[in-house]
PDB file of N, CA and C in Angstrom:
ATOM      1  N   MET A   1       5.603  22.114   1.316  1.00  0.00           N
ATOM      2  CA  MET A   1       4.771  22.123   3.185  1.00  0.00           C
ATOM      3  C   MET A   1       3.410  20.463   2.308  1.00  0.00           C
ATOM      4  N   ILE A   2       4.062  19.605   3.198  1.00  0.00           N
ATOM      5  CA  ILE A   2       3.050  18.141   2.420  1.00  0.00           C
ATOM      6  C   ILE A   2       1.908  18.829   3.864  1.00  0.00           C
ATOM      7  N   PRO A   3       0.812  17.482   2.084  1.00  0.00           N
ATOM      8  CA  PRO A   3      -0.597  17.778   3.149  1.00  0.00           C
ATOM      9  C   PRO A   3      -0.575  16.475   3.805  1.00  0.00           C
ATOM     10  N   CYS A   4      -1.385  16.756   4.637  1.00  0.00           N
ATOM     11  CA  CYS A   4      -1.911  15.841   6.385  1.00  0.00           C
ATOM     12  C   CYS A   4      -3.145  15.599   6.256  1.00  0.00           C
ATOM     13  N   TYR A   5      -3.785  14.420   6.395  1.00  0.00           N
ATOM     14  CA  TYR A   5      -5.251  13.645   6.097  1.00  0.00           C
ATOM     15  C   TYR A   5      -5.163  13.178   7.266  1.00  0.00           C
ATOM     16  N   HIS A   6      -6.273  14.206   8.278  1.00  0.00           N
ATOM     17  CA  HIS A   6      -6.134  13.347  10.069  1.00  0.00           C
ATOM     18  C   HIS A   6      -5.243  12.843  10.774  1.00  0.00           C
ATOM     19  N   ASP A   7      -3.898  13.903  10.625  1.00  0.00           N
ATOM     20  CA  ASP A   7      -3.351  14.638  10.922  1.00  0.00           C
ATOM     21  C   ASP A   7      -1.885  13.092  10.315  1.00  0.00           C
ATOM     22  N   VAL A   8      -2.178  12.812   9.456  1.00  0.00           N
ATOM     23  CA  VAL A   8      -0.714  11.606   9.133  1.00  0.00           C
ATOM     24  C   VAL A   8      -1.096  12.252   7.647  1.00  0.00           C
ATOM     25  N   GLU A   9       0.802  12.949   7.700  1.00  0.00           N
ATOM     26  CA  GLU A   9       1.194  13.126   6.695  1.00  0.00           C
ATOM     27  C   GLU A   9       1.254  12.218   5.018  1.00  0.00           C
ATOM     28  N   MET A  10       0.812  12.942   4.659  1.00  0.00           N
ATOM     29  CA  MET A  10       0.336  12.193   2.427  1.00  0.00           C
ATOM     30  C   MET A  10       0.785  13.081   1.750  1.00  0.00           C
ATOM     31  N   PRO A  11       2.577  12.493   1.588  1.00  0.00           N
ATOM     32  CA  PRO A  11       3.217  12.880   0.750  1.00  0.00           C
ATOM     33  C   PRO A  11       2.804  12.464  -0.813  1.00  0.00           C
ATOM     34  N   LYS A  12       2.432  11.048  -0.399  1.00  0.00           N
ATOM     35  CA  LYS A  12       2.023  10.836  -2.103  1.00  0.00           C
ATOM     36  C   LYS A  12       1.186  10.262  -2.623  1.00  0.00           C
ATOM     37  N   SER A  13       1.144  11.141  -4.263  1.00  0.00           N
ATOM     38  CA  SER A  13      -0.127  10.821  -4.599  1.00  0.00           C
ATOM     39  C   SER A  13      -0.136   9.809  -5.557  1.00  0.00           C
ATOM     40  N   MET A  14      -0.754   9.451  -6.034  1.00  0.00           N
ATOM     41  CA  MET A  14      -1.251   7.634  -6.757  1.00  0.00           C
ATOM     42  C   MET A  14      -2.509   8.433  -8.275  1.00  0.00           C
ATOM     43  N   THR A  15      -1.898   7.026  -9.347  1.00  0.00           N
ATOM     44  CA  THR A  15      -2.483   7.725 -10.218  1.00  0.00           C
ATOM     45  C   THR A  15      -3.265   6.054 -10.519  1.00  0.00           C
ATOM     46  N   LEU A  16      -5.103   5.725  -9.426  1.00  0.00           N
ATOM     47  CA  LEU A  16      -4.838   4.527  -9.520  1.00  0.00           C
ATOM     48  C   LEU A  16      -6.173   3.924 -10.838  1.00  0.00           C
ATOM     49  N   ARG A  17      -5.738   2.766 -11.578  1.00  0.00           N
ATOM     50  CA  ARG A  17      -6.135   2.532 -12.439  1.00  0.00           C
ATOM     51  C   ARG A  17      -7.239   1.429 -12.755  1.00  0.00           C
ATOM     52  N   LEU A  18      -8.577   1.697 -12.441  1.00  0.00           N
ATOM     53  CA  LEU A  18      -9.499   0.423 -11.698  1.00  0.00           C
ATOM     54  C   LEU A  18     -10.804   0.388 -12.889  1.00  0.00           C
ATOM     55  N   THR A  19     -10.683  -1.493 -13.598  1.00  0.00           N
ATOM     56  CA  THR A  19     -11.803  -1.652 -14.438  1.00  0.00           C
ATOM     57  C   THR A  19     -13.588  -0.613 -13.996  1.00  0.00           C
ATOM     58  N   ASP A  20     -13.982  -0.354 -15.058  1.00  0.00           N
ATOM     59  CA  ASP A  20     -15.342   0.181 -14.460  1.00  0.00           C
ATOM     60  C   ASP A  20     -16.096  -0.193 -13.549  1.00  0.00           C
ATOM     61  N   GLU A  21     -15.981  -1.494 -13.821  1.00  0.00           N
ATOM     62  CA  GLU A  21     -17.039  -2.259 -11.984  1.00  0.00           C
ATOM     63  C   GLU A  21     -16.153  -1.964 -11.292  1.00  0.00           C
ATOM     64  N   GLN A  22     -15.296  -2.204 -10.775  1.00  0.00           N
ATOM     65  CA  GLN A  22     -14.460  -1.193  -9.427  1.00  0.00           C
ATOM     66  C   GLN A  22     -14.465  -0.172  -8.641  1.00  0.00           C
ATOM     67  N   ALA A  23     -14.176   0.972 -10.248  1.00  0.00           N
ATOM     68  CA  ALA A  23     -14.591   2.338 -10.011  1.00  0.00           C
ATOM     69  C   ALA A  23     -16.948   2.713  -9.596  1.00  0.00           C
ATOM     70  N   ALA A  24     -17.516   1.466  -9.896  1.00  0.00           N
ATOM     71  CA  ALA A  24     -18.104   1.935  -9.528  1.00  0.00           C
ATOM     72  C   ALA A  24     -18.721   1.590  -7.628  1.00  0.00           C
ATOM     73  N   GLU A  25     -17.804   0.060  -8.599  1.00  0.00           N
ATOM     74  CA  GLU A  25     -18.015  -0.230  -6.492  1.00  0.00           C
ATOM     75  C   GLU A  25     -17.562   0.034  -5.495  1.00  0.00           C
ATOM     76  N   LEU A  26     -16.676   0.976  -5.635  1.00  0.00           N
ATOM     77  CA  LEU A  26     -15.340   1.627  -5.198  1.00  0.00           C
ATOM     78  C   LEU A  26     -16.795   2.450  -4.796  1.00  0.00           C
ATOM     79  N   GLU A  27     -17.201   3.908  -5.199  1.00  0.00           N
ATOM     80  CA  GLU A  27     -17.556   5.151  -5.497  1.00  0.00           C
ATOM     81  C   GLU A  27     -18.773   4.572  -4.427  1.00  0.00           C
ATOM     82  N   ALA A  28     -19.811   3.349  -4.759  1.00  0.00           N
ATOM     83  CA  ALA A  28     -20.485   2.937  -3.612  1.00  0.00           C
ATOM     84  C   ALA A  28     -20.672   2.867  -2.378  1.00  0.00           C
ATOM     85  N   ILE A  29     -19.665   2.186  -2.097  1.00  0.00           N
ATOM     86  CA  ILE A  29     -18.937   1.958  -0.567  1.00  0.00           C
ATOM     87  C   ILE A  29     -18.758   3.156  -0.015  1.00  0.00           C
ATOM     88  N   ALA A  30     -17.711   4.113  -1.026  1.00  0.00           N
ATOM     89  CA  ALA A  30     -17.497   5.491  -0.243  1.00  0.00           C
ATOM     90  C   ALA A  30     -19.010   6.777  -0.114  1.00  0.00           C
ATOM     91  N   ARG A  31     -19.299   6.450  -0.532  1.00  0.00           N
ATOM     92  CA  ARG A  31     -20.847   6.931  -0.470  1.00  0.00           C
ATOM     93  C   ARG A  31     -21.522   6.248   1.224  1.00  0.00           C
ATOM     94  N   ILE A  32     -22.170   5.391   0.799  1.00  0.00           N
ATOM     95  CA  ILE A  32     -22.342   4.928   1.809  1.00  0.00           C
ATOM     96  C   ILE A  32     -22.166   5.266   3.233  1.00  0.00           C
ATOM     97  N   GLU A  33     -20.288   4.381   2.928  1.00  0.00           N
ATOM     98  CA  GLU A  33     -19.927   5.393   3.948  1.00  0.00           C
ATOM     99  C   GLU A  33     -19.631   6.426   4.330  1.00  0.00           C
ATOM    100  N   ASN A  34     -20.327   6.953   3.216  1.00  0.00           N
ATOM    101  CA  ASN A  34     -20.261   9.008   3.845  1.00  0.00           C
ATOM    102  C   ASN A  34     -18.202   8.737   3.836  1.00  0.00           C
ATOM    103  N   VAL A  35     -17.450   8.494   3.206  1.00  0.00           N
ATOM    104  CA  VAL A  35     -16.384   8.774   3.391  1.00  0.00           C
ATOM    105  C   VAL A  35     -15.477   9.368   1.522  1.00  0.00           C
ATOM    106  N   PRO A  36     -15.195  10.302   1.967  1.00  0.00           N
ATOM    107  CA  PRO A  36     -14.236  10.003   0.281  1.00  0.00           C
ATOM    108  C   PRO A  36     -13.115   8.723  -0.523  1.00  0.00           C
ATOM    109  N   ILE A  37     -13.943   8.592  -1.833  1.00  0.00           N
ATOM    110  CA  ILE A  37     -12.810   7.375  -2.108  1.00  0.00           C
ATOM    111  C   ILE A  37     -11.502   7.465  -1.561  1.00  0.00           C
ATOM    112  N   ALA A  38     -10.583   8.258  -1.602  1.00  0.00           N
ATOM    113  CA  ALA A  38      -9.468   8.082  -1.520  1.00  0.00           C
ATOM    114  C   ALA A  38      -9.338   7.706   0.181  1.00  0.00           C
ATOM    115  N   GLU A  39     -10.008   7.861   0.971  1.00  0.00           N
ATOM    116  CA  GLU A  39     -10.716   7.211   1.964  1.00  0.00           C
ATOM    117  C   GLU A  39     -10.586   5.430   2.221  1.00  0.00           C
ATOM    118  N   GLU A  40     -11.157   5.094   1.624  1.00  0.00           N
ATOM    119  CA  GLU A  40     -12.450   3.710   1.359  1.00  0.00           C
ATOM    120  C   GLU A  40     -10.745   2.852   0.237  1.00  0.00           C
ATOM    121  N   VAL A  41     -10.081   3.951  -0.646  1.00  0.00           N
ATOM    122  CA  VAL A  41      -8.544   2.874  -0.304  1.00  0.00           C
ATOM    123  C   VAL A  41      -7.422   3.103   0.478  1.00  0.00           C
ATOM    124  N   ARG A  42      -8.016   4.370   0.612  1.00  0.00           N
ATOM    125  CA  ARG A  42      -6.288   3.921   2.567  1.00  0.00           C
ATOM    126  C   ARG A  42      -6.234   3.360   3.127  1.00  0.00           C
ATOM    127  N   ILE A  43      -7.707   2.740   3.268  1.00  0.00           N
ATOM    128  CA  ILE A  43      -8.537   1.747   4.195  1.00  0.00           C
ATOM    129  C   ILE A  43      -8.186   0.315   3.982  1.00  0.00           C
ATOM    130  N   ALA A  44      -8.293  -0.045   2.365  1.00  0.00           N
ATOM    131  CA  ALA A  44      -8.458  -0.879   1.536  1.00  0.00           C
ATOM    132  C   ALA A  44      -6.375  -1.083   1.932  1.00  0.00           C
ATOM    133  N   LEU A  45      -5.942  -0.760   1.586  1.00  0.00           N
ATOM    134  CA  LEU A  45      -4.229  -0.950   1.252  1.00  0.00           C
ATOM    135  C   LEU A  45      -4.508  -1.539   2.686  1.00  0.00           C
ATOM    136  N   THR A  46      -4.630  -0.408   4.318  1.00  0.00           N
ATOM    137  CA  THR A  46      -4.072  -0.929   5.541  1.00  0.00           C
ATOM    138  C   THR A  46      -4.028  -2.374   6.094  1.00  0.00           C
ATOM    139  N   GLU A  47      -5.610  -2.569   5.458  1.00  0.00           N
ATOM    140  CA  GLU A  47      -5.893  -4.119   5.632  1.00  0.00           C
ATOM    141  C   GLU A  47      -5.001  -4.649   5.041  1.00  0.00           C
ATOM    142  N   HIS A  48      -5.477  -4.694   3.405  1.00  0.00           N
ATOM    143  CA  HIS A  48      -4.123  -5.617   2.841  1.00  0.00           C
ATOM    144  C   HIS A  48      -2.924  -5.398   3.515  1.00  0.00           C
ATOM    145  N   ILE A  49      -2.412  -4.381   4.235  1.00  0.00           N
ATOM    146  CA  ILE A  49      -0.535  -4.548   4.523  1.00  0.00           C
ATOM    147  C   ILE A  49      -1.101  -5.504   5.408  1.00  0.00           C
ATOM    148  N   ALA A  50      -1.923  -5.067   6.815  1.00  0.00           N
ATOM    149  CA  ALA A  50      -1.786  -5.853   7.927  1.00  0.00           C
ATOM    150  C   ALA A  50      -2.080  -7.733   7.046  1.00  0.00           C
ATOM    151  N   LYS A  51      -2.944  -7.837   5.942  1.00  0.00           N
ATOM    152  CA  LYS A  51      -2.838  -9.807   6.238  1.00  0.00           C
ATOM    153  C   LYS A  51      -1.765  -9.669   5.911  1.00  0.00           C
ATOM    154  N   ARG A  52      -1.005  -8.812   5.233  1.00  0.00           N
ATOM    155  CA  ARG A  52       0.667  -9.931   4.822  1.00  0.00           C
ATOM    156  C   ARG A  52       1.390  -9.833   5.420  1.00  0.00           C
ATOM    157  N   ARG A  53       1.352  -8.690   6.631  1.00  0.00           N
ATOM    158  CA  ARG A  53       2.208  -9.446   7.737  1.00  0.00           C
ATOM    159  C   ARG A  53       1.776  -9.904   8.568  1.00  0.00           C
ATOM    160  N   ARG A  54       0.320 -10.096   7.874  1.00  0.00           N
ATOM    161  CA  ARG A  54       0.207 -11.702   8.497  1.00  0.00           C
ATOM    162  C   ARG A  54       0.887 -13.362   7.622  1.00  0.00           C
ATOM    163  N   ASP A  55       0.585 -13.028   7.045  1.00  0.00           N
ATOM    164  CA  ASP A  55       0.860 -13.846   5.866  1.00  0.00           C
ATOM    165  C   ASP A  55       2.342 -15.275   6.235  1.00  0.00           C
ATOM    166  N   ARG A  56       2.515 -15.912   6.531  1.00  0.00           N
ATOM    167  CA  ARG A  56       3.854 -16.213   6.630  1.00  0.00           C
ATOM    168  C   ARG A  56       4.253 -16.696   5.860  1.00  0.00           C
ATOM    169  N   ALA A  57       3.711 -17.380   4.554  1.00  0.00           N
ATOM    170  CA  ALA A  57       4.069 -17.304   3.067  1.00  0.00           C
ATOM    171  C   ALA A  57       4.680 -16.006   2.241  1.00  0.00           C
ATOM    172  N   PHE A  58       3.775 -15.036   2.478  1.00  0.00           N
ATOM    173  CA  PHE A  58       4.778 -13.625   1.948  1.00  0.00           C
ATOM    174  C   PHE A  58       6.115 -13.427   3.034  1.00  0.00           C
ATOM    175  N   GLN A  59       5.674 -13.377   4.248  1.00  0.00           N
ATOM    176  CA  GLN A  59       7.001 -13.475   4.734  1.00  0.00           C
ATOM    177  C   GLN A  59       8.402 -13.888   4.981  1.00  0.00           C
ATOM    178  N   ALA A  60       7.972 -15.325   4.777  1.00  0.00           N
ATOM    179  CA  ALA A  60       8.903 -15.830   4.012  1.00  0.00           C
ATOM    180  C   ALA A  60       9.859 -15.350   2.699  1.00  0.00           C
ATOM    181  N   ARG A  61       8.779 -15.452   1.219  1.00  0.00           N
ATOM    182  CA  ARG A  61       9.503 -14.629   0.577  1.00  0.00           C
ATOM    183  C   ARG A  61      10.047 -13.007   0.892  1.00  0.00           C
ATOM    184  N   LEU A  62       9.639 -12.195   1.087  1.00  0.00           N
ATOM    185  CA  LEU A  62      10.267 -11.099   1.858  1.00  0.00           C
ATOM    186  C   LEU A  62      11.339 -11.506   2.406  1.00  0.00           C
ATOM    187  N   LYS A  63      12.033 -12.310   3.388  1.00  0.00           N
ATOM    188  CA  LYS A  63      12.918 -12.195   4.149  1.00  0.00           C
ATOM    189  C   LYS A  63      13.950 -12.853   3.381  1.00  0.00           C
ATOM    190  N   ALA A  64      13.694 -13.398   1.891  1.00  0.00           N
ATOM    191  CA  ALA A  64      14.663 -14.006   1.210  1.00  0.00           C
ATOM    192  C   ALA A  64      14.735 -13.324  -0.021  1.00  0.00           C
ATOM    193  N   SER A  65      13.652 -12.478   0.144  1.00  0.00           N
ATOM    194  CA  SER A  65      14.077 -11.189  -1.055  1.00  0.00           C
ATOM    195  C   SER A  65      15.483 -10.229  -0.715  1.00  0.00           C
ATOM    196  N   ILE A  66      15.038  -9.917   1.362  1.00  0.00           N
ATOM    197  CA  ILE A  66      16.057  -8.654   1.697  1.00  0.00           C
ATOM    198  C   ILE A  66      16.943  -9.162   1.599  1.00  0.00           C
ATOM    199  N   LYS A  67      17.025 -11.485   1.412  1.00  0.00           N
ATOM    200  CA  LYS A  67      18.466 -11.085   1.808  1.00  0.00           C
ATOM    201  C   LYS A  67      19.255 -11.390   0.626  1.00  0.00           C
ATOM    202  N   ARG A  68      19.118 -11.649  -0.903  1.00  0.00           N
ATOM    203  CA  ARG A  68      19.280 -11.306  -2.179  1.00  0.00           C
ATOM    204  C   ARG A  68      19.654  -9.936  -2.345  1.00  0.00           C
ATOM    205  N   ASN A  69      18.917  -8.823  -2.150  1.00  0.00           N
ATOM    206  CA  ASN A  69      18.880  -7.706  -2.209  1.00  0.00           C
ATOM    207  C   ASN A  69      19.922  -7.018  -1.309  1.00  0.00           C
ATOM    208  N   GLN A  70      20.698  -7.884   0.259  1.00  0.00           N
ATOM    209  CA  GLN A  70      21.754  -7.100   1.258  1.00  0.00           C
ATOM    210  C   GLN A  70      22.846  -8.052   0.483  1.00  0.00           C
ATOM    211  N   GLU A  71      22.605  -8.686   0.285  1.00  0.00           N
ATOM    212  CA  GLU A  71      24.059  -9.829  -1.061  1.00  0.00           C
ATOM    213  C   GLU A  71      24.458  -8.627  -2.154  1.00  0.00           C
ATOM    214  N   ILE A  72      23.589  -8.249  -2.646  1.00  0.00           N
ATOM    215  CA  ILE A  72      23.512  -7.202  -3.954  1.00  0.00           C
ATOM    216  C   ILE A  72      24.672  -6.038  -3.527  1.00  0.00           C
ATOM    217  N   LEU A  73      23.852  -5.040  -2.256  1.00  0.00           N
ATOM    218  CA  LEU A  73      23.989  -4.311  -1.575  1.00  0.00           C
ATOM    219  C   LEU A  73      26.057  -4.260  -1.524  1.00  0.00           C
ATOM    220  N   ASP A  74      26.284  -5.237  -0.371  1.00  0.00           N
ATOM    221  CA  ASP A  74      27.192  -6.057   0.172  1.00  0.00           C
ATOM    222  C   ASP A  74      27.926  -6.125  -0.986  1.00  0.00           C
ATOM    223  N   ARG A  75      27.864  -6.203  -2.310  1.00  0.00           N
ATOM    224  CA  ARG A  75      29.159  -6.750  -3.073  1.00  0.00           C
ATOM    225  C   ARG A  75      29.393  -4.934  -3.846  1.00  0.00           C
ATOM    226  N   LEU A  76      28.010  -4.022  -3.885  1.00  0.00           N
ATOM    227  CA  LEU A  76      28.720  -2.605  -3.929  1.00  0.00           C
ATOM    228  C   LEU A  76      29.164  -2.053  -2.996  1.00  0.00           C
ATOM    229  N   ALA A  77      28.602  -2.015  -2.483  1.00  0.00           N
ATOM    230  CA  ALA A  77      29.431  -1.030  -1.791  1.00  0.00           C
ATOM    231  C   ALA A  77      30.967  -1.722  -0.927  1.00  0.00           C
ATOM    232  N   SER A  78      30.808  -2.884  -1.801  1.00  0.00           N
ATOM    233  CA  SER A  78      32.732  -3.432  -1.621  1.00  0.00           C
ATOM    234  C   SER A  78      33.786  -2.742  -2.641  1.00  0.00           C
ATOM    235  N   THR A  79      33.590  -2.054  -3.590  1.00  0.00           N
ATOM    236  CA  THR A  79      34.404  -1.799  -4.481  1.00  0.00           C
ATOM    237  C   THR A  79      34.698  -0.690  -4.382  1.00  0.00           C
TER     238      THR A  79
END
């Protein structure tokens, strides 16, 4: 059974290493917002990913990476 959180599947568990300062600030934010630390991390990641989707330079690097990887996959598939 895959754990769910607010009707969203959460199949991935991760370990996150933070500095003492980052951990203290994250704990304070979560406490003030009255949410679990994990929820505060998910919110930050969602915002970071959305920012990358709007970032033209990142999108250009992403497309270049996709092209390079597709060329490799095509070579591997044509053996």
